């Protein structure tokens, strides 16, 4: 090794910290290995952890019966010595890899690529590896996707560590139920802070700056002591295209948090390689279906892409996975000699199925234009399930009327104004939201915006649920 015994001791301590060695098969890591093989059209992929004297396979797709190999000579060990992604186009021509048991043995590996799994304090735990029996090369985009998968493995390890810590906290609560009220209140506050911290890791800390677009979002959890299952994100695909999504995972707590993390990183990595939005959802659907029956999860989801229009505004594509319809908000304007009233029209995507429920799920795609001054609004069902001060369910009818009134009172509709309006409305619900609420608004800014510069971006709002 090229590092000191002290450095290796600290790395091994980091491996021990995650308590992952020799644990039973885990659906999340198995899905990552399967996704890696599918993205690279390779027969085998692994997730490895490098121990003191062995390389242990946490997941091994396409390598039946392989659980561990010796550390030296080791391709996974070589990844730790590299500056980043290690690519071996032809293992037989590589001075280190040509004697490896996977190369000389019945597996007959010829191609190898791996991205290291790095902790936040800089320790390499192992790698996500792609193996093929034929020499080959990969593109820079594929290398980036492999790095994203390694980051996803690290996220799963952190979530697993967080879940174990959460379990310990919950056990401590059971043991201290008879303690003084002050101590119990203190413990509940600690759990709430922990759940809030874990929740923040599942949401983008801020929305990106997109020229010509104003974006704003809001997230409210129904319980301060549990992790919600709603999620959203906005991220770039290239210089002129961006992707966005909003959805809701079945279930709550740490299992839902792990699935949410998998969904987010699957969508982000797949979208960079796959231009067809329906194919992106099909990949996510197949990934979620790899979970065993007792650990299955599905989600509803709206996924979209934005392409900047040189004439102003954006060309928009929406793909539905069983989620509630988005709304297209248009301000009042003149159509020829006659005025045209403001509109808040639902963007229906009929036929879109739940993601992760059926192997042959089909997804619906629709295109529209987001002109300057117009907005697109996405939401989760916690918004419409809340009850107003009159005791009535807010419902889809109430939401449509509220958005139409909002559009009618503005000459240009802004994303931040929509989110501020609805966040204020949620605050008037006497019992608070009945479920988690995720809101995302995107608006095309006018050519000469009156207040916000082109590319303004709202940050995520958070709020405590109203006490029962």
Protein backbone atom coordinates (compact mmCIF):
# COMPACT_ATOMS: atom_id res chain seq x y z
CA UNK A 1 0.00 0.00 0.00
CA UNK A 2 1.08 3.56 -0.62
CA UNK A 3 -0.29 4.90 2.64
CA UNK A 4 0.96 4.56 6.19
CA UNK A 5 -0.24 1.96 8.71
CA UNK A 6 -1.90 4.81 10.62
CA UNK A 7 -3.90 5.84 7.53
CA UNK A 8 -4.95 2.25 6.87
CA UNK A 9 -6.00 1.89 10.53
CA UNK A 10 -8.21 4.96 10.21
CA UNK A 11 -9.74 3.60 7.00
CA UNK A 12 -10.53 0.25 8.64
CA UNK A 13 -12.06 2.14 11.56
CA UNK A 14 -14.34 3.89 9.04
CA UNK A 15 -15.35 0.49 7.59
CA UNK A 16 -16.18 -0.74 11.10
CA UNK A 17 -18.17 2.39 11.80
CA UNK A 18 -20.79 1.43 9.23
CA UNK A 19 -21.11 -2.13 10.60
CA UNK A 20 -21.75 -3.49 7.10
CA UNK A 21 -19.34 -6.44 6.79
CA UNK A 22 -20.95 -9.91 6.71
CA UNK A 23 -24.48 -8.50 6.86
CA UNK A 24 -27.31 -10.33 5.02
CA UNK A 25 -28.28 -9.37 1.44
CA UNK A 26 -29.85 -5.93 1.23
CA UNK A 27 -32.31 -4.99 -1.50
CA UNK A 28 -31.01 -1.42 -1.81
CA UNK A 29 -27.42 -2.50 -2.61
CA UNK A 30 -28.61 -5.36 -4.84
CA UNK A 31 -30.67 -2.87 -6.83
CA UNK A 32 -27.68 -0.56 -7.24
CA UNK A 33 -25.55 -3.42 -8.60
CA UNK A 34 -28.34 -4.49 -10.96
CA UNK A 35 -28.85 -0.89 -12.11
CA UNK A 36 -25.10 -0.53 -12.76
CA UNK A 37 -25.09 -3.67 -14.92
CA UNK A 38 -28.17 -2.53 -16.81
CA UNK A 39 -26.89 1.02 -17.42
CA UNK A 40 -23.60 -0.32 -18.83
CA UNK A 41 -25.12 -3.38 -20.57
CA UNK A 42 -22.62 -5.53 -18.68
CA UNK A 43 -23.10 -9.12 -17.45
CA UNK A 44 -21.85 -8.43 -13.91
CA UNK A 45 -21.57 -5.62 -11.39
CA UNK A 46 -20.64 -5.57 -7.72
CA UNK A 47 -20.63 -3.42 -4.62
CA UNK A 48 -17.52 -4.27 -2.59
CA UNK A 49 -16.12 -3.40 0.83
CA UNK A 50 -12.35 -3.77 1.36
CA UNK A 51 -11.52 -5.33 4.74
CA UNK A 52 -8.07 -5.89 6.30
CA UNK A 53 -7.37 -9.09 4.35
CA UNK A 54 -10.29 -9.59 1.96
CA UNK A 55 -12.63 -7.92 -0.50
CA UNK A 56 -16.21 -8.64 0.60
CA UNK A 57 -19.11 -8.45 -1.86
CA UNK A 58 -22.09 -6.61 -0.38
CA UNK A 59 -23.86 -7.11 -3.72
CA UNK A 60 -22.82 -9.27 -6.67
CA UNK A 61 -25.04 -9.12 -9.73
CA UNK A 62 -24.18 -11.81 -12.28
CA UNK A 63 -21.59 -13.56 -10.04
CA UNK A 64 -23.52 -16.43 -8.48
CA UNK A 65 -21.98 -17.83 -5.32
CA UNK A 66 -19.20 -15.22 -5.01
CA UNK A 67 -19.13 -13.63 -1.55
CA UNK A 68 -15.50 -12.57 -1.09
CA UNK A 69 -11.99 -12.84 -2.52
CA UNK A 70 -8.51 -12.23 -1.16
CA UNK A 71 -7.38 -8.65 -0.94
CA UNK A 72 -4.05 -9.11 -2.77
CA UNK A 73 -3.92 -9.03 -5.68
CA UNK A 74 -7.15 -7.03 -5.74
CA UNK A 75 -8.80 -4.77 -8.28
CA UNK A 76 -10.89 -3.19 -5.52
CA UNK A 77 -7.67 -2.47 -3.65
CA UNK A 78 -6.27 -0.76 -6.76
CA UNK A 79 -9.27 1.57 -6.81
CA UNK A 80 -8.23 2.91 -3.40
CA UNK A 81 -4.85 3.89 -4.83
CA UNK A 82 -6.29 5.68 -7.86
CA UNK A 83 -7.27 9.34 -7.97
CA UNK A 84 -10.85 8.50 -8.94
CA UNK A 85 -12.56 6.09 -11.31
CA UNK A 86 -10.37 3.13 -12.33
CA UNK A 87 -10.86 1.77 -15.86
CA UNK A 88 -9.11 -1.35 -17.17
CA UNK A 89 -10.11 -1.72 -20.86
CA UNK A 90 -8.34 -5.11 -21.25
CA UNK A 91 -7.47 -6.96 -18.05
CA UNK A 92 -5.11 -9.38 -19.80
CA UNK A 93 -2.95 -6.45 -20.90
CA UNK A 94 -2.91 -4.83 -17.46
CA UNK A 95 0.20 -5.53 -15.32
CA UNK A 96 -1.85 -5.75 -12.10
CA UNK A 97 -5.17 -7.16 -13.26
CA UNK A 98 -3.89 -10.00 -15.48
CA UNK A 99 -3.18 -12.25 -12.46
CA UNK A 100 -6.44 -11.52 -10.63
CA UNK A 101 -8.56 -14.63 -9.85
CA UNK A 102 -11.60 -13.13 -11.62
CA UNK A 103 -9.44 -12.72 -14.75
CA UNK A 104 -7.61 -16.06 -14.66
CA UNK A 105 -10.50 -18.10 -13.24
CA UNK A 106 -13.76 -19.33 -14.81
CA UNK A 107 -15.31 -15.84 -14.67
CA UNK A 108 -12.79 -14.73 -17.37
CA UNK A 109 -13.14 -10.99 -16.74
CA UNK A 110 -11.55 -8.86 -19.47
CA UNK A 111 -13.02 -5.40 -18.78
CA UNK A 112 -13.15 -3.70 -15.38
CA UNK A 113 -14.32 -0.25 -14.27
CA UNK A 114 -14.87 0.93 -10.71
CA UNK A 115 -15.73 4.08 -8.79
CA UNK A 116 -14.59 4.35 -5.16
CA UNK A 117 -17.08 4.66 -2.31
CA UNK A 118 -15.74 7.60 -0.30
CA UNK A 119 -16.90 8.78 3.13
CA UNK A 120 -17.40 12.45 3.93
CA UNK A 121 -14.09 12.41 5.86
CA UNK A 122 -12.18 11.01 2.87
CA UNK A 123 -11.87 7.28 3.61
CA UNK A 124 -12.36 4.76 0.78
CA UNK A 125 -14.59 1.88 1.93
CA UNK A 126 -14.78 -0.05 -1.34
CA UNK A 127 -16.13 0.39 -4.85
CA UNK A 128 -18.98 -0.02 -7.33
CA UNK A 129 -17.55 -2.24 -10.09
CA UNK A 130 -18.55 -3.13 -13.66
CA UNK A 131 -17.19 -6.40 -15.13
CA UNK A 132 -17.40 -7.75 -18.66
CA UNK A 133 -15.93 -10.74 -20.46
CA UNK A 134 -15.01 -8.65 -23.49
CA UNK A 135 -12.57 -5.71 -23.71
CA UNK A 136 -14.38 -2.38 -24.02
CA UNK A 137 -14.30 1.32 -23.23
CA UNK A 138 -16.80 3.69 -21.63
CA UNK A 139 -17.74 7.31 -22.28
CA UNK A 140 -17.21 10.20 -19.88
CA UNK A 141 -20.99 10.30 -19.32
CA UNK A 142 -20.95 6.64 -18.29
CA UNK A 143 -18.00 7.32 -15.98
CA UNK A 144 -20.01 10.09 -14.37
CA UNK A 145 -22.99 7.77 -13.92
CA UNK A 146 -20.71 5.19 -12.28
CA UNK A 147 -19.48 7.87 -9.87
CA UNK A 148 -23.11 8.74 -9.09
CA UNK A 149 -23.83 5.09 -8.28
CA UNK A 150 -20.85 5.02 -5.90
CA UNK A 151 -22.23 8.17 -4.24
CA UNK A 152 -25.60 6.42 -3.97
CA UNK A 153 -23.92 3.49 -2.16
CA UNK A 154 -22.42 5.98 0.29
CA UNK A 155 -25.85 7.57 0.77
CA UNK A 156 -27.35 4.15 1.49
CA UNK A 157 -24.62 3.46 4.05
CA UNK A 158 -25.30 6.80 5.72
CA UNK A 159 -29.05 6.13 5.71
CA UNK A 160 -28.46 2.69 7.19
CA UNK A 161 -26.25 4.21 9.87
CA UNK A 162 -28.88 6.87 10.52
CA UNK A 163 -31.60 4.22 10.79
CA UNK A 164 -29.57 2.28 13.35
CA UNK A 165 -29.03 5.44 15.34
CA UNK A 166 -32.74 6.24 15.11
CA UNK A 167 -33.55 2.75 16.39
CA UNK A 168 -31.22 3.26 19.34
CA UNK A 169 -32.91 6.58 20.12
CA UNK A 170 -36.36 4.95 19.96
CA UNK A 171 -35.23 2.21 22.36
CA UNK A 172 -33.91 4.82 24.72
CA UNK A 173 -37.31 6.48 24.63
CA UNK A 174 -39.02 3.22 25.65
CA UNK A 175 -36.60 2.86 28.55
CA UNK A 176 -37.18 6.42 29.75
CA UNK A 177 -41.00 6.55 29.47
CA UNK A 178 -41.29 6.60 33.27
CA UNK A 179 -38.73 9.36 33.63
CA UNK A 180 -39.59 12.94 34.43
CA UNK A 181 -41.65 14.95 31.89
CA UNK A 182 -38.75 17.32 31.28
CA UNK A 183 -36.49 14.44 30.25
CA UNK A 184 -39.18 12.97 27.97
CA UNK A 185 -39.69 16.34 26.28
CA UNK A 186 -35.95 16.64 25.76
CA UNK A 187 -35.76 13.19 24.16
CA UNK A 188 -38.67 13.94 21.81
CA UNK A 189 -36.92 17.13 20.73
CA UNK A 190 -33.78 15.12 19.92
CA UNK A 191 -35.77 12.69 17.77
CA UNK A 192 -37.46 15.54 15.93
CA UNK A 193 -34.10 17.12 15.16
CA UNK A 194 -32.73 13.79 13.97
CA UNK A 195 -35.72 13.17 11.68
CA UNK A 196 -35.41 16.73 10.36
CA UNK A 197 -31.71 16.20 9.62
CA UNK A 198 -32.40 12.93 7.81
CA UNK A 199 -35.26 14.54 5.89
CA UNK A 200 -32.99 17.34 4.69
CA UNK A 201 -30.60 14.79 3.16
CA UNK A 202 -33.45 13.60 0.90
CA UNK A 203 -34.31 17.05 -0.49
CA UNK A 204 -32.19 19.49 -2.50
CA UNK A 205 -30.83 22.24 -0.21
CA UNK A 206 -31.71 24.84 -2.86
CA UNK A 207 -33.06 24.89 -6.39
CA UNK A 208 -30.62 25.62 -9.23
CA UNK A 209 -30.41 28.93 -11.04
CA UNK A 210 -32.02 28.43 -14.46
CA UNK A 211 -31.84 31.38 -16.90
CA UNK A 212 -35.33 32.61 -17.72
CA UNK A 213 -36.98 30.48 -15.03
CA UNK A 214 -38.20 31.19 -11.53
CA UNK A 215 -38.47 28.09 -9.33
CA UNK A 216 -39.85 27.75 -5.81
CA UNK A 217 -40.71 24.86 -3.52
CA UNK A 218 -42.25 24.05 -0.15
CA UNK A 219 -42.11 20.97 2.08
CA UNK A 220 -44.08 20.29 5.25
CA UNK A 221 -43.93 17.02 7.18
CA UNK A 222 -47.06 15.74 8.89
CA UNK A 223 -44.98 14.52 11.86
CA UNK A 224 -41.85 16.01 13.38
CA UNK A 225 -40.79 12.56 14.62
CA UNK A 226 -40.91 10.69 11.31
CA UNK A 227 -39.34 11.00 7.87
CA UNK A 228 -41.82 11.79 5.13
CA UNK A 229 -42.17 10.03 1.81
CA UNK A 230 -42.67 13.03 -0.51
CA UNK A 231 -39.77 14.24 -2.66
CA UNK A 232 -38.84 16.67 -5.43
CA UNK A 233 -35.78 17.88 -7.33
CA UNK A 234 -34.63 20.15 -10.18
CA UNK A 235 -31.30 19.52 -11.89
CA UNK A 236 -29.48 20.32 -15.20
CA UNK A 237 -29.16 17.88 -18.09
CA UNK A 238 -27.03 20.12 -20.31
CA UNK A 239 -26.58 23.82 -21.08
CA UNK A 240 -30.18 24.29 -22.34
CA UNK A 241 -32.12 21.44 -20.72
CA UNK A 242 -33.18 20.76 -17.15
CA UNK A 243 -35.13 17.97 -15.50
CA UNK A 244 -37.51 18.10 -12.56
CA UNK A 245 -39.72 15.69 -10.65
CA UNK A 246 -42.11 15.48 -7.71
CA UNK A 247 -43.55 12.34 -6.18
CA UNK A 248 -44.70 10.37 -3.16
CA UNK A 249 -43.27 7.06 -1.86
CA UNK A 250 -45.49 4.49 -0.18
CA UNK A 251 -44.84 4.21 3.55
CA UNK A 252 -42.90 6.38 5.96
CA UNK A 253 -39.81 6.33 8.14
CA UNK A 254 -36.34 4.99 7.43
CA UNK A 255 -37.45 2.37 4.80
CA UNK A 256 -39.26 5.07 2.81
CA UNK A 257 -36.22 7.34 3.20
CA UNK A 258 -33.97 4.67 1.67
CA UNK A 259 -36.36 4.23 -1.27
CA UNK A 260 -36.60 8.00 -1.72
CA UNK A 261 -32.81 8.23 -1.91
CA UNK A 262 -32.72 5.40 -4.46
CA UNK A 263 -35.42 7.09 -6.57
CA UNK A 264 -33.68 10.44 -6.54
CA UNK A 265 -30.27 9.13 -7.56
CA UNK A 266 -31.72 6.66 -10.09
CA UNK A 267 -33.61 9.48 -11.80
CA UNK A 268 -30.60 11.80 -11.72
CA UNK A 269 -28.16 9.23 -13.14
CA UNK A 270 -30.57 7.73 -15.70
CA UNK A 271 -31.78 11.12 -16.98
CA UNK A 272 -28.21 12.07 -17.94
CA UNK A 273 -27.93 8.99 -20.18
CA UNK A 274 -31.51 8.55 -21.43
CA UNK A 275 -33.21 11.39 -23.38
CA UNK A 276 -36.64 9.68 -23.50
CA UNK A 277 -38.57 10.58 -20.29
CA UNK A 278 -40.67 7.42 -20.52
CA UNK A 279 -37.51 5.31 -20.66
CA UNK A 280 -36.27 7.09 -17.52
CA UNK A 281 -39.43 6.04 -15.67
CA UNK A 282 -39.20 2.51 -17.06
CA UNK A 283 -35.66 2.22 -15.64
CA UNK A 284 -36.87 3.49 -12.26
CA UNK A 285 -39.81 1.06 -12.37
CA UNK A 286 -37.47 -1.90 -13.00
CA UNK A 287 -35.14 -0.74 -10.21
CA UNK A 288 -37.94 -0.56 -7.62
CA UNK A 289 -39.26 -3.98 -8.67
CA UNK A 290 -35.93 -5.60 -7.79
CA UNK A 291 -36.84 -5.32 -4.10
CA UNK A 292 -38.05 -8.57 -2.46
CA UNK A 293 -41.80 -8.91 -1.82
CA UNK A 294 -41.49 -8.15 1.89
CA UNK A 295 -39.56 -4.97 1.16
CA UNK A 296 -41.37 -3.73 -1.95
CA UNK A 297 -42.11 -0.04 -2.42
CA UNK A 298 -43.81 1.94 -5.13
CA UNK A 299 -44.31 5.63 -5.76
CA UNK A 300 -46.39 8.09 -7.71
CA UNK A 301 -44.32 10.50 -9.74
CA UNK A 302 -44.43 13.31 -12.27
CA UNK A 303 -41.16 13.68 -14.20
CA UNK A 304 -40.50 16.47 -16.68
CA UNK A 305 -37.88 18.19 -18.79
CA UNK A 306 -37.48 21.86 -19.71
CA UNK A 307 -35.77 23.11 -22.88
CA UNK A 308 -35.07 26.82 -23.21
CA UNK A 309 -36.81 28.46 -26.19
CA UNK A 310 -34.70 31.18 -27.89
CA UNK A 311 -37.93 33.17 -28.38
CA UNK A 312 -38.62 33.07 -24.63
CA UNK A 313 -40.16 30.55 -22.31
CA UNK A 314 -39.59 26.80 -22.35
CA UNK A 315 -40.64 23.68 -24.23
CA UNK A 316 -41.85 21.31 -21.54
CA UNK A 317 -42.35 17.55 -21.48
CA UNK A 318 -44.29 15.86 -18.68
CA UNK A 319 -44.36 12.12 -17.99
CA UNK A 320 -46.80 10.68 -15.48
CA UNK A 321 -46.40 7.77 -13.14
CA UNK A 322 -49.82 7.67 -11.47
CA UNK A 323 -49.40 11.05 -9.76
CA UNK A 324 -51.90 13.90 -9.39
CA UNK A 325 -52.22 16.20 -12.43
CA UNK A 326 -49.97 19.23 -12.60
CA UNK A 327 -51.52 22.68 -13.24
CA UNK A 328 -50.66 25.07 -16.08
CA UNK A 329 -51.35 28.64 -14.91
CA UNK A 330 -51.86 31.43 -17.46
CA UNK A 331 -52.54 35.10 -16.64
CA UNK A 332 -55.27 37.11 -18.38
CA UNK A 333 -54.25 38.56 -21.75
CA UNK A 334 -55.64 39.82 -25.02
CA UNK A 335 -56.27 37.35 -27.84
CA UNK A 336 -56.62 39.61 -30.83
CA UNK A 337 -59.36 42.17 -30.05
CA UNK A 338 -60.94 40.18 -27.22
CA UNK A 339 -59.56 39.60 -23.72
CA UNK A 340 -58.74 36.03 -22.69
CA UNK A 341 -59.49 35.10 -19.08
CA UNK A 342 -56.87 33.71 -16.72
CA UNK A 343 -56.73 29.91 -16.57
CA UNK A 344 -55.46 27.21 -14.26
CA UNK A 345 -55.72 24.05 -16.35
CA UNK A 346 -54.94 20.54 -15.06
CA UNK A 347 -52.34 18.77 -17.20
CA UNK A 348 -53.83 15.28 -17.29
CA UNK A 349 -51.60 12.32 -18.08
CA UNK A 350 -54.18 9.51 -18.43
CA UNK A 351 -52.91 5.95 -18.37
CA UNK A 352 -49.75 6.63 -16.37
CA UNK A 353 -49.24 3.77 -13.91
CA UNK A 354 -47.69 3.62 -10.45
CA UNK A 355 -43.89 3.31 -10.53
CA UNK A 356 -42.58 0.10 -8.95
CA UNK A 357 -45.91 -1.76 -8.81
CA UNK A 358 -46.08 -3.65 -12.13
CA UNK A 359 -43.33 -5.05 -14.35
CA UNK A 360 -45.11 -3.98 -17.55
CA UNK A 361 -46.06 -0.49 -16.34
CA UNK A 362 -46.73 2.05 -19.08
CA UNK A 363 -46.12 5.78 -18.77
CA UNK A 364 -47.79 8.68 -20.54
CA UNK A 365 -45.91 11.62 -22.03
CA UNK A 366 -47.28 15.08 -22.90
CA UNK A 367 -45.65 18.19 -24.36
CA UNK A 368 -46.62 21.82 -23.83
CA UNK A 369 -45.09 25.29 -23.95
CA UNK A 370 -44.45 27.40 -20.88
CA UNK A 371 -44.66 30.95 -22.23
CA UNK A 372 -43.21 33.97 -20.38
CA UNK A 373 -45.54 34.92 -17.55
CA UNK A 374 -46.97 31.37 -17.25
CA UNK A 375 -46.28 28.77 -14.57
CA UNK A 376 -46.42 25.04 -13.92
CA UNK A 377 -47.42 23.78 -10.45
CA UNK A 378 -46.87 20.27 -9.01
CA UNK A 379 -48.00 19.02 -5.60
CA UNK A 380 -48.53 15.96 -3.42
CA UNK A 381 -51.85 14.79 -2.00
CA UNK A 382 -51.22 16.21 1.48
CA UNK A 383 -52.29 19.60 0.08
CA UNK A 384 -55.75 18.53 -1.06
CA UNK A 385 -56.40 16.17 1.87
CA UNK A 386 -56.20 18.98 4.46
CA UNK A 387 -59.37 20.47 5.96
CA UNK A 388 -60.16 24.16 5.86
CA UNK A 389 -61.38 26.32 8.73
CA UNK A 390 -64.95 25.33 7.73
CA UNK A 391 -64.15 21.66 8.31
CA UNK A 392 -64.45 20.74 4.64
CA UNK A 393 -61.79 18.85 2.74
CA UNK A 394 -59.82 21.28 0.55
CA UNK A 395 -59.87 18.82 -2.35
CA UNK A 396 -58.97 19.12 -6.01
CA UNK A 397 -61.94 21.40 -6.68
CA UNK A 398 -60.80 23.83 -4.01
CA UNK A 399 -57.24 23.77 -5.32
CA UNK A 400 -58.34 24.42 -8.91
CA UNK A 401 -60.50 27.38 -7.82
CA UNK A 402 -57.70 28.78 -5.65
CA UNK A 403 -55.14 28.57 -8.47
CA UNK A 404 -57.57 30.12 -10.97
CA UNK A 405 -58.15 33.06 -8.61
CA UNK A 406 -54.39 33.42 -8.14
CA UNK A 407 -53.84 33.51 -11.92
CA UNK A 408 -56.64 36.03 -12.44
CA UNK A 409 -55.12 38.57 -10.05
CA UNK A 410 -51.72 38.78 -11.72
CA UNK A 411 -50.46 40.05 -15.05
CA UNK A 412 -47.49 37.64 -14.86
CA UNK A 413 -47.51 34.53 -12.68
CA UNK A 414 -44.41 33.88 -10.56
CA UNK A 415 -43.38 30.60 -8.94
CA UNK A 416 -42.49 32.20 -5.60
CA UNK A 417 -45.87 33.94 -5.38
CA UNK A 418 -47.67 30.63 -5.97
CA UNK A 419 -45.70 28.84 -3.26
CA UNK A 420 -46.01 31.71 -0.76
CA UNK A 421 -49.76 31.83 -1.39
CA UNK A 422 -50.29 28.10 -0.81
CA UNK A 423 -47.88 27.92 2.14
CA UNK A 424 -49.92 30.69 3.74
CA UNK A 425 -53.12 28.77 2.97
CA UNK A 426 -51.74 25.66 4.68
CA UNK A 427 -51.15 27.74 7.78
CA UNK A 428 -54.90 28.42 7.99
CA UNK A 429 -55.84 24.73 8.19
CA UNK A 430 -56.82 24.25 11.87
CA UNK A 431 -55.42 20.70 12.16
CA UNK A 432 -52.51 21.29 9.82
CA UNK A 433 -51.84 19.02 6.83
CA UNK A 434 -53.21 15.48 7.04
CA UNK A 435 -50.15 14.14 5.24
CA UNK A 436 -46.76 15.38 4.06
CA UNK A 437 -46.98 18.24 1.59
CA UNK A 438 -44.52 18.82 -1.26
CA UNK A 439 -45.03 21.78 -3.62
CA UNK A 440 -42.98 22.76 -6.69
CA UNK A 441 -43.67 25.72 -8.99
CA UNK A 442 -41.81 26.72 -12.16
CA UNK A 443 -42.54 29.94 -14.04
CA UNK A 444 -41.07 31.43 -17.20
CA UNK A 445 -39.99 34.98 -16.44
CA UNK A 446 -41.11 37.79 -18.76
CA UNK A 447 -38.54 39.38 -21.07
CA UNK A 448 -38.29 42.40 -18.73
CA UNK A 449 -39.20 41.15 -15.25
CA UNK A 450 -40.48 43.80 -12.92
CA UNK A 451 -38.97 42.45 -9.72
CA UNK A 452 -37.01 39.21 -9.98
CA UNK A 453 -34.01 38.78 -12.31
CA UNK A 454 -33.96 36.03 -14.91
CA UNK A 455 -33.04 32.76 -13.28
CA UNK A 456 -34.40 33.59 -9.81
CA UNK A 457 -34.80 30.53 -7.62
CA UNK A 458 -36.82 30.04 -4.48
CA UNK A 459 -35.44 28.06 -1.57
CA UNK A 460 -37.20 25.25 0.23
CA UNK A 461 -39.63 26.34 2.93
CA UNK A 462 -40.11 24.15 5.99
CA UNK A 463 -42.67 24.36 8.75
CA UNK A 464 -43.78 22.46 11.82
CA UNK A 465 -47.13 20.65 11.64
CA UNK A 466 -50.01 22.19 13.57
CA UNK A 467 -50.53 20.44 16.93
CA UNK A 468 -53.47 18.05 17.01
